[in-house]
Protein backbone atom coordinates (compact mmCIF):
# COMPACT_ATOMS: atom_id res chain seq x y z
CA MET A 1 5.06 15.79 1.57
CA ASN A 2 6.36 12.22 1.56
CA ASN A 3 9.48 11.32 3.48
CA LYS A 4 11.28 8.36 1.92
CA THR A 5 13.54 5.96 3.80
CA GLU A 6 15.42 2.98 2.38
CA SER A 7 17.20 0.07 4.01
CA LYS A 8 19.97 -1.59 2.04
CA ASN A 9 21.81 -4.90 2.14
CA THR A 10 25.59 -4.98 2.44
CA ASP A 11 25.79 -5.26 -1.36
CA GLY A 12 23.89 -1.98 -1.73
CA SER A 13 20.61 -3.48 -2.95
CA VAL A 14 17.46 -2.02 -1.41
CA TRP A 15 15.36 -4.47 0.62
CA ARG A 16 12.93 -1.98 2.16
CA THR A 17 11.49 1.35 1.03
CA GLU A 18 8.96 3.32 3.08
CA TYR A 19 7.17 6.62 2.49
CA ARG A 20 5.63 8.53 5.38
CA ASN A 21 3.73 11.80 5.61
CA ASP A 22 4.73 14.63 7.94
CA ALA A 23 2.69 13.02 10.74
CA GLY A 24 4.86 9.88 10.45
CA LYS A 25 2.10 7.71 8.94
CA PHE A 26 2.67 5.51 5.91
CA HIS A 27 1.46 7.51 2.91
CA LYS A 28 1.97 7.65 -0.83
CA GLU A 29 -0.70 8.56 -3.37
CA ASP A 30 1.00 7.36 -6.57
CA GLY A 31 2.25 3.89 -5.67
CA PRO A 32 3.10 1.62 -2.78
CA ALA A 33 4.11 3.38 0.44
CA VAL A 34 5.87 0.27 1.74
CA GLU A 35 7.96 -2.07 -0.38
CA TYR A 36 9.88 -5.00 1.04
CA SER A 37 11.55 -7.69 -1.01
CA PHE A 38 8.46 -9.89 -0.55
CA VAL A 39 5.51 -7.45 -0.37
CA LYS A 40 4.11 -4.12 -1.61
CA GLN A 41 1.60 -2.18 0.50
CA TYR A 42 -0.46 0.83 -0.56
CA TRP A 43 -1.19 3.28 2.26
CA ILE A 44 -2.99 6.62 2.47
CA ASN A 45 -2.62 8.60 5.73
CA GLY A 46 -1.81 5.51 7.78
CA ASN A 47 -4.56 3.31 6.33
CA LEU A 48 -4.16 0.47 3.87
CA HIS A 49 -6.11 1.74 0.87
CA ARG A 50 -6.33 1.16 -2.86
CA LEU A 51 -9.20 1.50 -5.34
CA ASP A 52 -7.43 0.30 -8.50
CA GLY A 53 -6.19 -3.07 -7.25
CA PRO A 54 -5.14 -4.93 -4.13
CA ALA A 55 -3.62 -2.81 -1.34
CA VAL A 56 -1.25 -5.62 -0.37
CA GLU A 57 0.58 -7.72 -2.97
CA TYR A 58 2.88 -10.52 -1.85
CA ARG A 59 5.58 -11.95 -4.09
CA ASN A 60 3.85 -15.37 -3.91
CA LYS A 61 0.83 -13.70 -5.64
CA PHE A 62 -1.34 -13.61 -2.48
CA VAL A 63 -3.26 -10.32 -2.33
CA GLU A 64 -5.40 -8.38 0.14
CA TYR A 65 -8.03 -5.77 -0.71
CA TRP A 66 -8.40 -2.74 1.57
CA ILE A 67 -10.30 0.55 1.45
CA HIS A 68 -9.66 3.20 4.14
CA GLY A 69 -8.13 0.67 6.53
CA ARG A 70 -10.87 -1.96 6.20
CA ARG A 71 -10.14 -5.35 4.64
CA TYR A 72 -12.56 -6.80 2.08
CA SER A 73 -12.93 -9.99 0.12
CA LEU A 74 -12.49 -9.51 -3.63
CA GLU A 75 -16.27 -9.60 -4.14
CA GLU A 76 -16.93 -7.04 -1.39
CA TRP A 77 -14.08 -4.80 -2.62
CA GLU A 78 -15.46 -4.77 -6.18
CA ARG A 79 -18.87 -3.69 -4.89
CA VAL A 80 -17.58 -1.08 -2.40
CA ARG A 81 -14.99 0.48 -4.73
CA LYS A 82 -17.75 1.21 -7.28
CA LEU A 83 -19.43 3.39 -4.65
CA TYR A 84 -16.21 5.35 -4.09
CA ILE A 85 -15.65 5.78 -7.81
CA LEU A 86 -19.17 7.14 -8.25
CA LEU A 87 -18.68 9.75 -5.51
């Protein structure tokens, strides 16, 4: 189960959304577990993780690729993710 928390500005707009599992770790299987006004982060059981794109996406278009909590360059990520998809 995911527990959702939101932080709002005085005008009511949401500036932070977080999803955590019952153990308190960031976790969401169908989208970003952490969203701030400037970044989206994809987490699974407390580890940055995403196989269908970057696990961290900044508003300025900078991205980071992660699989099971380990950061990869784009080239490494493309190679490693193929192994996970084949499993």
